[in-house]
């Protein structure tokens, strides 16, 4: 497995497809909702296997000169709990630090709290409710 920045239209097609299938489709959300205007200025990473198949993805953008935010972390269902998410998270944090961030924040789904806690993120309080059903918790990590 290796982590790359998607660069070709085909890589981005697979990247956005995974985001939609894992993060939106189970809640019957339409295609397109997996994207937002900040995608154009964000850092996108994806984990791929030796054949080039996408295993996971995540996005990093900046809220200020020193605060980065991670969003849209998704791991292919068949490859969850194999360390891919941790490697992607570490790569996103490294990108954040190299770009001047001193902290990273995110909004974790309830189902991902243990994962982010294991990687050093601390809970700050309640976040938003996505699709009127998915509770999020604000978390932060100092780099």
N, C-alpha and C. Protein backbone atom coordinates (compact mmCIF):
# COMPACT_ATOMS: atom_id res chain seq x y z
N UNK A 1 0.84 -1.19 0.00
CA UNK A 1 0.00 0.00 0.00
C UNK A 1 0.88 1.24 0.00
N UNK A 2 0.44 2.24 -0.75
CA UNK A 2 1.12 3.52 -0.72
C UNK A 2 0.09 4.65 -0.71
N UNK A 3 0.54 5.81 -0.28
CA UNK A 3 -0.35 6.98 -0.20
C UNK A 3 0.12 7.98 -1.24
N UNK A 4 -0.83 8.44 -2.04
CA UNK A 4 -0.54 9.38 -3.12
C UNK A 4 -1.54 10.52 -3.10
N UNK A 5 -1.22 11.57 -3.82
CA UNK A 5 -2.18 12.62 -4.10
C UNK A 5 -2.82 12.30 -5.44
N UNK A 6 -4.14 12.20 -5.49
CA UNK A 6 -4.76 11.95 -6.80
C UNK A 6 -4.40 13.08 -7.76
N UNK A 7 -4.08 12.70 -8.99
CA UNK A 7 -3.63 13.70 -9.95
C UNK A 7 -4.38 13.63 -11.27
N UNK A 8 -4.82 12.47 -11.66
CA UNK A 8 -5.49 12.31 -12.95
C UNK A 8 -7.00 12.35 -12.77
N UNK A 9 -7.74 12.64 -13.81
CA UNK A 9 -9.21 12.60 -13.71
C UNK A 9 -9.71 11.23 -13.23
N UNK A 10 -9.06 10.16 -13.66
CA UNK A 10 -9.46 8.82 -13.24
C UNK A 10 -9.23 8.61 -11.74
N UNK A 11 -8.09 9.07 -11.23
CA UNK A 11 -7.82 8.95 -9.80
C UNK A 11 -8.83 9.75 -8.99
N UNK A 12 -9.13 10.95 -9.44
CA UNK A 12 -10.13 11.76 -8.73
C UNK A 12 -11.52 11.12 -8.82
N UNK A 13 -11.85 10.48 -9.92
CA UNK A 13 -13.14 9.81 -10.04
C UNK A 13 -13.25 8.72 -8.97
N UNK A 14 -12.20 7.92 -8.81
CA UNK A 14 -12.21 6.86 -7.79
C UNK A 14 -12.23 7.46 -6.38
N UNK A 15 -11.49 8.53 -6.20
CA UNK A 15 -11.42 9.21 -4.90
C UNK A 15 -12.82 9.69 -4.47
N UNK A 16 -13.50 10.43 -5.34
CA UNK A 16 -14.82 10.94 -5.00
C UNK A 16 -15.86 9.83 -4.92
N UNK A 17 -15.70 8.79 -5.71
CA UNK A 17 -16.63 7.67 -5.64
C UNK A 17 -16.55 6.99 -4.27
N UNK A 18 -15.34 6.79 -3.76
CA UNK A 18 -15.19 6.19 -2.45
C UNK A 18 -15.79 7.08 -1.37
N UNK A 19 -15.54 8.39 -1.43
CA UNK A 19 -16.13 9.31 -0.46
C UNK A 19 -17.64 9.18 -0.46
N UNK A 20 -18.25 9.13 -1.64
CA UNK A 20 -19.71 9.05 -1.71
C UNK A 20 -20.21 7.69 -1.20
N UNK A 21 -19.59 6.60 -1.65
CA UNK A 21 -20.07 5.27 -1.27
C UNK A 21 -20.00 5.01 0.23
N UNK A 22 -18.93 5.49 0.89
CA UNK A 22 -18.75 5.22 2.32
C UNK A 22 -19.45 6.26 3.19
N UNK A 23 -19.36 7.52 2.82
CA UNK A 23 -19.83 8.59 3.69
C UNK A 23 -21.24 9.10 3.40
N UNK A 24 -21.78 8.80 2.22
CA UNK A 24 -23.07 9.39 1.85
C UNK A 24 -24.12 8.37 1.40
N UNK A 25 -23.74 7.43 0.58
CA UNK A 25 -24.70 6.48 0.01
C UNK A 25 -25.49 5.69 1.05
N UNK A 26 -24.89 5.25 2.16
CA UNK A 26 -25.67 4.50 3.14
C UNK A 26 -26.85 5.29 3.73
N UNK A 27 -26.80 6.61 3.60
CA UNK A 27 -27.88 7.48 4.09
C UNK A 27 -28.71 8.01 2.93
N UNK A 28 -28.60 7.34 1.79
CA UNK A 28 -29.39 7.64 0.59
C UNK A 28 -29.22 9.09 0.13
N UNK A 29 -27.99 9.58 0.20
CA UNK A 29 -27.68 10.93 -0.24
C UNK A 29 -27.28 10.90 -1.72
N UNK A 30 -27.62 11.93 -2.47
CA UNK A 30 -27.32 11.94 -3.90
C UNK A 30 -25.84 12.16 -4.18
N UNK A 31 -25.41 11.68 -5.33
CA UNK A 31 -24.04 11.97 -5.76
C UNK A 31 -23.87 13.49 -5.87
N UNK A 32 -22.71 13.95 -5.58
CA UNK A 32 -22.42 15.37 -5.59
C UNK A 32 -22.31 15.94 -4.19
N UNK A 33 -23.01 15.33 -3.24
CA UNK A 33 -22.98 15.82 -1.86
C UNK A 33 -21.64 15.52 -1.19
N UNK A 34 -20.86 14.62 -1.79
CA UNK A 34 -19.55 14.26 -1.24
C UNK A 34 -18.48 15.30 -1.58
N UNK A 35 -18.88 16.34 -2.28
CA UNK A 35 -17.95 17.40 -2.67
C UNK A 35 -18.37 18.73 -2.03
N UNK A 36 -17.40 19.63 -1.90
CA UNK A 36 -17.74 20.99 -1.45
C UNK A 36 -16.76 21.97 -2.07
N UNK A 37 -17.05 23.27 -2.00
CA UNK A 37 -16.21 24.27 -2.66
C UNK A 37 -14.74 24.27 -2.21
N UNK A 38 -14.48 23.82 -0.98
CA UNK A 38 -13.10 23.81 -0.48
C UNK A 38 -12.24 22.73 -1.13
N UNK A 39 -12.85 21.81 -1.85
CA UNK A 39 -12.07 20.76 -2.52
C UNK A 39 -11.01 21.35 -3.44
N UNK A 40 -11.33 22.46 -4.08
CA UNK A 40 -10.42 23.05 -5.07
C UNK A 40 -9.11 23.53 -4.46
N UNK A 41 -9.13 23.89 -3.18
CA UNK A 41 -7.93 24.42 -2.54
C UNK A 41 -7.40 23.51 -1.44
N UNK A 42 -7.85 22.28 -1.41
CA UNK A 42 -7.46 21.33 -0.36
C UNK A 42 -6.38 20.37 -0.83
N UNK A 43 -5.78 19.70 0.13
CA UNK A 43 -4.83 18.62 -0.14
C UNK A 43 -5.61 17.32 -0.04
N UNK A 44 -5.57 16.53 -1.09
CA UNK A 44 -6.28 15.25 -1.13
C UNK A 44 -5.26 14.13 -1.13
N UNK A 45 -5.48 13.13 -0.29
CA UNK A 45 -4.62 11.96 -0.27
C UNK A 45 -5.48 10.71 -0.40
N UNK A 46 -4.89 9.68 -1.01
CA UNK A 46 -5.58 8.41 -1.08
C UNK A 46 -4.58 7.27 -0.94
N UNK A 47 -5.04 6.21 -0.29
CA UNK A 47 -4.25 5.00 -0.15
C UNK A 47 -4.64 4.06 -1.28
N UNK A 48 -3.64 3.53 -1.94
CA UNK A 48 -3.90 2.60 -3.03
C UNK A 48 -3.10 1.32 -2.82
N UNK A 49 -3.59 0.22 -3.39
CA UNK A 49 -2.86 -1.04 -3.30
C UNK A 49 -1.89 -1.15 -4.47
N UNK A 50 -1.20 -2.26 -4.57
CA UNK A 50 -0.20 -2.44 -5.62
C UNK A 50 -0.78 -2.40 -7.02
N UNK A 51 -2.06 -2.70 -7.15
CA UNK A 51 -2.72 -2.66 -8.46
C UNK A 51 -3.29 -1.28 -8.79
N UNK A 52 -3.18 -0.33 -7.85
CA UNK A 52 -3.71 1.01 -8.06
C UNK A 52 -5.14 1.18 -7.61
N UNK A 53 -5.73 0.15 -7.01
CA UNK A 53 -7.11 0.26 -6.50
C UNK A 53 -7.12 1.09 -5.23
N UNK A 54 -8.11 1.96 -5.11
CA UNK A 54 -8.20 2.84 -3.95
C UNK A 54 -8.69 2.06 -2.73
N UNK A 55 -8.00 2.28 -1.61
CA UNK A 55 -8.34 1.64 -0.35
C UNK A 55 -8.93 2.64 0.64
N UNK A 56 -8.52 3.90 0.53
CA UNK A 56 -8.99 4.92 1.46
C UNK A 56 -8.64 6.30 0.95
N UNK A 57 -9.27 7.31 1.58
CA UNK A 57 -9.02 8.69 1.18
C UNK A 57 -9.25 9.63 2.35
N UNK A 58 -8.74 10.83 2.20
CA UNK A 58 -8.94 11.88 3.19
C UNK A 58 -8.52 13.21 2.61
N UNK A 59 -9.02 14.28 3.22
CA UNK A 59 -8.76 15.63 2.72
C UNK A 59 -8.31 16.54 3.85
N UNK A 60 -7.42 17.48 3.51
CA UNK A 60 -6.90 18.45 4.46
C UNK A 60 -7.09 19.85 3.88
N UNK A 61 -7.63 20.74 4.69
CA UNK A 61 -7.67 22.15 4.29
C UNK A 61 -7.34 23.00 5.52
N UNK A 62 -7.11 24.29 5.28
CA UNK A 62 -6.72 25.18 6.36
C UNK A 62 -7.86 26.12 6.72
N UNK A 63 -8.12 26.23 8.03
CA UNK A 63 -9.09 27.20 8.55
C UNK A 63 -8.42 28.52 8.88
N UNK A 64 -7.12 28.46 9.15
CA UNK A 64 -6.30 29.64 9.40
C UNK A 64 -4.86 29.25 9.06
N UNK A 65 -3.93 30.17 9.27
CA UNK A 65 -2.54 29.88 8.94
C UNK A 65 -1.96 28.75 9.78
N UNK A 66 -2.53 28.55 10.98
CA UNK A 66 -1.97 27.54 11.88
C UNK A 66 -2.93 26.39 12.22
N UNK A 67 -4.16 26.48 11.77
CA UNK A 67 -5.14 25.41 12.06
C UNK A 67 -5.58 24.71 10.77
N UNK A 68 -5.29 23.43 10.71
CA UNK A 68 -5.72 22.61 9.59
C UNK A 68 -6.93 21.78 10.02
N UNK A 69 -7.72 21.36 9.04
CA UNK A 69 -8.88 20.52 9.32
C UNK A 69 -8.86 19.32 8.39
N UNK A 70 -9.11 18.15 8.96
CA UNK A 70 -9.22 16.93 8.19
C UNK A 70 -10.70 16.63 8.01
N UNK A 71 -11.05 16.26 6.77
CA UNK A 71 -12.44 15.91 6.46
C UNK A 71 -12.45 14.74 5.50
N UNK A 72 -13.60 14.15 5.37
CA UNK A 72 -13.87 13.11 4.37
C UNK A 72 -12.94 11.91 4.45
N UNK A 73 -12.59 11.50 5.65
CA UNK A 73 -11.81 10.26 5.80
C UNK A 73 -12.74 9.09 5.51
N UNK A 74 -12.32 8.21 4.62
CA UNK A 74 -13.12 7.04 4.27
C UNK A 74 -12.20 5.90 3.88
N UNK A 75 -12.49 4.73 4.39
CA UNK A 75 -11.73 3.52 4.07
C UNK A 75 -12.69 2.52 3.46
N UNK A 76 -12.28 1.90 2.37
CA UNK A 76 -13.08 0.87 1.72
C UNK A 76 -13.48 -0.17 2.78
N UNK A 77 -14.74 -0.53 2.82
CA UNK A 77 -15.28 -1.38 3.87
C UNK A 77 -14.46 -2.65 4.07
N UNK A 78 -14.09 -3.32 3.01
CA UNK A 78 -13.35 -4.58 3.11
C UNK A 78 -11.94 -4.39 3.66
N UNK A 79 -11.46 -3.15 3.73
CA UNK A 79 -10.09 -2.88 4.17
C UNK A 79 -10.02 -2.11 5.49
N UNK A 80 -11.15 -1.97 6.16
CA UNK A 80 -11.15 -1.28 7.45
C UNK A 80 -10.48 -2.15 8.51
N UNK A 81 -9.96 -1.51 9.54
CA UNK A 81 -9.29 -2.17 10.67
C UNK A 81 -8.02 -2.88 10.25
N UNK A 82 -7.32 -2.32 9.26
CA UNK A 82 -6.05 -2.89 8.80
C UNK A 82 -4.92 -1.87 8.87
N UNK A 83 -5.15 -0.73 9.53
CA UNK A 83 -4.12 0.29 9.68
C UNK A 83 -4.06 1.32 8.57
N UNK A 84 -4.90 1.19 7.57
CA UNK A 84 -4.89 2.13 6.45
C UNK A 84 -5.31 3.53 6.90
N UNK A 85 -6.35 3.60 7.71
CA UNK A 85 -6.81 4.89 8.21
C UNK A 85 -5.75 5.60 9.02
N UNK A 86 -5.04 4.86 9.85
CA UNK A 86 -3.98 5.45 10.65
C UNK A 86 -2.85 6.00 9.80
N UNK A 87 -2.50 5.27 8.75
CA UNK A 87 -1.44 5.74 7.85
C UNK A 87 -1.88 6.98 7.07
N UNK A 88 -3.14 6.98 6.63
CA UNK A 88 -3.67 8.17 5.93
C UNK A 88 -3.70 9.38 6.87
N UNK A 89 -4.17 9.15 8.08
CA UNK A 89 -4.25 10.23 9.05
C UNK A 89 -2.86 10.81 9.33
N UNK A 90 -1.89 9.94 9.50
CA UNK A 90 -0.52 10.39 9.74
C UNK A 90 0.00 11.20 8.55
N UNK A 91 -0.28 10.75 7.34
CA UNK A 91 0.17 11.48 6.15
C UNK A 91 -0.50 12.85 6.05
N UNK A 92 -1.78 12.93 6.38
CA UNK A 92 -2.48 14.22 6.37
C UNK A 92 -1.90 15.16 7.42
N UNK A 93 -1.62 14.62 8.61
CA UNK A 93 -1.01 15.44 9.66
C UNK A 93 0.37 15.93 9.24
N UNK A 94 1.13 15.08 8.58
CA UNK A 94 2.45 15.48 8.10
C UNK A 94 2.33 16.61 7.09
N UNK A 95 1.38 16.51 6.19
CA UNK A 95 1.14 17.59 5.21
C UNK A 95 0.77 18.88 5.95
N UNK A 96 -0.06 18.75 6.97
CA UNK A 96 -0.47 19.93 7.74
C UNK A 96 0.74 20.61 8.38
N UNK A 97 1.57 19.82 9.05
CA UNK A 97 2.76 20.37 9.70
C UNK A 97 3.72 21.01 8.72
N UNK A 98 3.93 20.37 7.59
CA UNK A 98 4.83 20.92 6.57
C UNK A 98 4.31 22.23 5.99
N UNK A 99 3.00 22.42 6.09
CA UNK A 99 2.39 23.64 5.54
C UNK A 99 2.18 24.71 6.61
N UNK A 100 2.68 24.49 7.82
CA UNK A 100 2.65 25.52 8.86
C UNK A 100 1.63 25.34 9.96
N UNK A 101 0.84 24.29 9.91
CA UNK A 101 -0.16 24.09 10.97
C UNK A 101 0.51 23.68 12.28
N UNK A 102 -0.05 24.15 13.38
CA UNK A 102 0.41 23.71 14.69
C UNK A 102 -0.65 22.83 15.37
N UNK A 103 -1.85 22.80 14.76
CA UNK A 103 -2.90 21.93 15.28
C UNK A 103 -3.81 21.50 14.14
N UNK A 104 -4.46 20.36 14.37
CA UNK A 104 -5.41 19.83 13.41
C UNK A 104 -6.71 19.60 14.14
N UNK A 105 -7.81 20.01 13.52
CA UNK A 105 -9.12 19.75 14.09
C UNK A 105 -9.92 18.93 13.11
N UNK A 106 -10.96 18.29 13.62
CA UNK A 106 -11.87 17.51 12.77
C UNK A 106 -13.18 17.34 13.50
N UNK A 107 -14.16 16.91 12.76
CA UNK A 107 -15.46 16.57 13.31
C UNK A 107 -15.65 15.08 13.08
N UNK A 108 -15.57 14.31 14.14
CA UNK A 108 -15.63 12.85 14.04
C UNK A 108 -17.05 12.34 14.25
N UNK A 109 -17.42 11.39 13.41
CA UNK A 109 -18.68 10.69 13.66
C UNK A 109 -18.53 9.90 14.95
N UNK A 110 -19.62 9.69 15.65
CA UNK A 110 -19.58 8.92 16.90
C UNK A 110 -18.86 7.59 16.71
N UNK A 111 -19.07 6.97 15.57
CA UNK A 111 -18.48 5.65 15.30
C UNK A 111 -16.96 5.71 15.12
N UNK A 112 -16.39 6.89 14.96
CA UNK A 112 -14.94 7.02 14.74
C UNK A 112 -14.21 7.64 15.93
N UNK A 113 -14.90 7.88 17.03
CA UNK A 113 -14.26 8.53 18.18
C UNK A 113 -13.08 7.73 18.71
N UNK A 114 -13.22 6.44 18.84
CA UNK A 114 -12.13 5.61 19.38
C UNK A 114 -10.91 5.67 18.46
N UNK A 115 -11.14 5.64 17.16
CA UNK A 115 -10.03 5.72 16.19
C UNK A 115 -9.25 7.01 16.38
N UNK A 116 -9.94 8.14 16.39
CA UNK A 116 -9.24 9.41 16.50
C UNK A 116 -8.61 9.60 17.88
N UNK A 117 -9.27 9.13 18.92
CA UNK A 117 -8.69 9.20 20.27
C UNK A 117 -7.39 8.41 20.33
N UNK A 118 -7.38 7.23 19.72
CA UNK A 118 -6.19 6.38 19.69
C UNK A 118 -5.02 7.10 19.01
N UNK A 119 -5.33 8.02 18.11
CA UNK A 119 -4.30 8.75 17.38
C UNK A 119 -4.03 10.14 17.96
N UNK A 120 -4.43 10.36 19.21
CA UNK A 120 -4.06 11.58 19.92
C UNK A 120 -5.01 12.74 19.85
N UNK A 121 -6.19 12.55 19.28
CA UNK A 121 -7.17 13.64 19.20
C UNK A 121 -7.98 13.68 20.49
N UNK A 122 -8.25 14.90 20.96
CA UNK A 122 -9.02 15.11 22.18
C UNK A 122 -10.38 15.70 21.83
N UNK A 123 -11.38 15.23 22.52
CA UNK A 123 -12.74 15.74 22.29
C UNK A 123 -12.88 17.14 22.86
N UNK A 124 -13.54 18.02 22.08
CA UNK A 124 -13.78 19.39 22.52
C UNK A 124 -15.24 19.66 22.81
N UNK A 125 -16.12 18.90 22.25
CA UNK A 125 -17.54 19.12 22.45
C UNK A 125 -18.34 18.63 21.26
N UNK A 126 -19.64 18.82 21.34
CA UNK A 126 -20.49 18.33 20.25
C UNK A 126 -20.26 19.09 18.95
N UNK A 127 -20.42 18.38 17.87
CA UNK A 127 -20.32 18.97 16.54
C UNK A 127 -21.69 19.02 15.90
N UNK A 128 -21.72 19.00 14.61
CA UNK A 128 -22.97 19.12 13.87
C UNK A 128 -23.66 17.76 13.72
N UNK A 129 -24.89 17.81 13.27
CA UNK A 129 -25.67 16.62 12.97
C UNK A 129 -25.79 16.54 11.45
N UNK A 130 -25.20 15.51 10.87
CA UNK A 130 -25.17 15.36 9.42
C UNK A 130 -26.34 14.52 8.94
N UNK A 131 -26.97 14.92 7.86
CA UNK A 131 -28.11 14.21 7.27
C UNK A 131 -29.22 13.97 8.30
N UNK A 132 -29.32 14.85 9.27
CA UNK A 132 -30.33 14.76 10.34
C UNK A 132 -30.23 13.48 11.15
N UNK A 133 -29.08 12.79 11.10
CA UNK A 133 -29.01 11.53 11.84
C UNK A 133 -27.61 11.14 12.32
N UNK A 134 -26.55 11.77 11.81
CA UNK A 134 -25.20 11.34 12.17
C UNK A 134 -24.56 12.39 13.06
N UNK A 135 -24.47 12.06 14.35
CA UNK A 135 -23.86 12.98 15.31
C UNK A 135 -22.35 13.04 15.13
N UNK A 136 -21.79 14.22 15.28
CA UNK A 136 -20.36 14.43 15.20
C UNK A 136 -19.85 15.06 16.50
N UNK A 137 -18.57 14.86 16.78
CA UNK A 137 -17.91 15.43 17.94
C UNK A 137 -16.69 16.20 17.45
N UNK A 138 -16.51 17.42 17.92
CA UNK A 138 -15.33 18.22 17.56
C UNK A 138 -14.13 17.66 18.30
N UNK A 139 -13.03 17.45 17.57
CA UNK A 139 -11.80 16.93 18.15
C UNK A 139 -10.62 17.76 17.65
N UNK A 140 -9.54 17.73 18.43
CA UNK A 140 -8.37 18.55 18.09
C UNK A 140 -7.11 17.83 18.56
N UNK A 141 -6.03 18.06 17.79
CA UNK A 141 -4.72 17.52 18.14
C UNK A 141 -3.66 18.58 17.89
N UNK A 142 -2.79 18.75 18.86
CA UNK A 142 -1.64 19.65 18.69
C UNK A 142 -0.55 18.87 17.97
N UNK A 143 0.06 19.51 16.98
CA UNK A 143 1.14 18.83 16.23
C UNK A 143 2.48 19.07 16.89
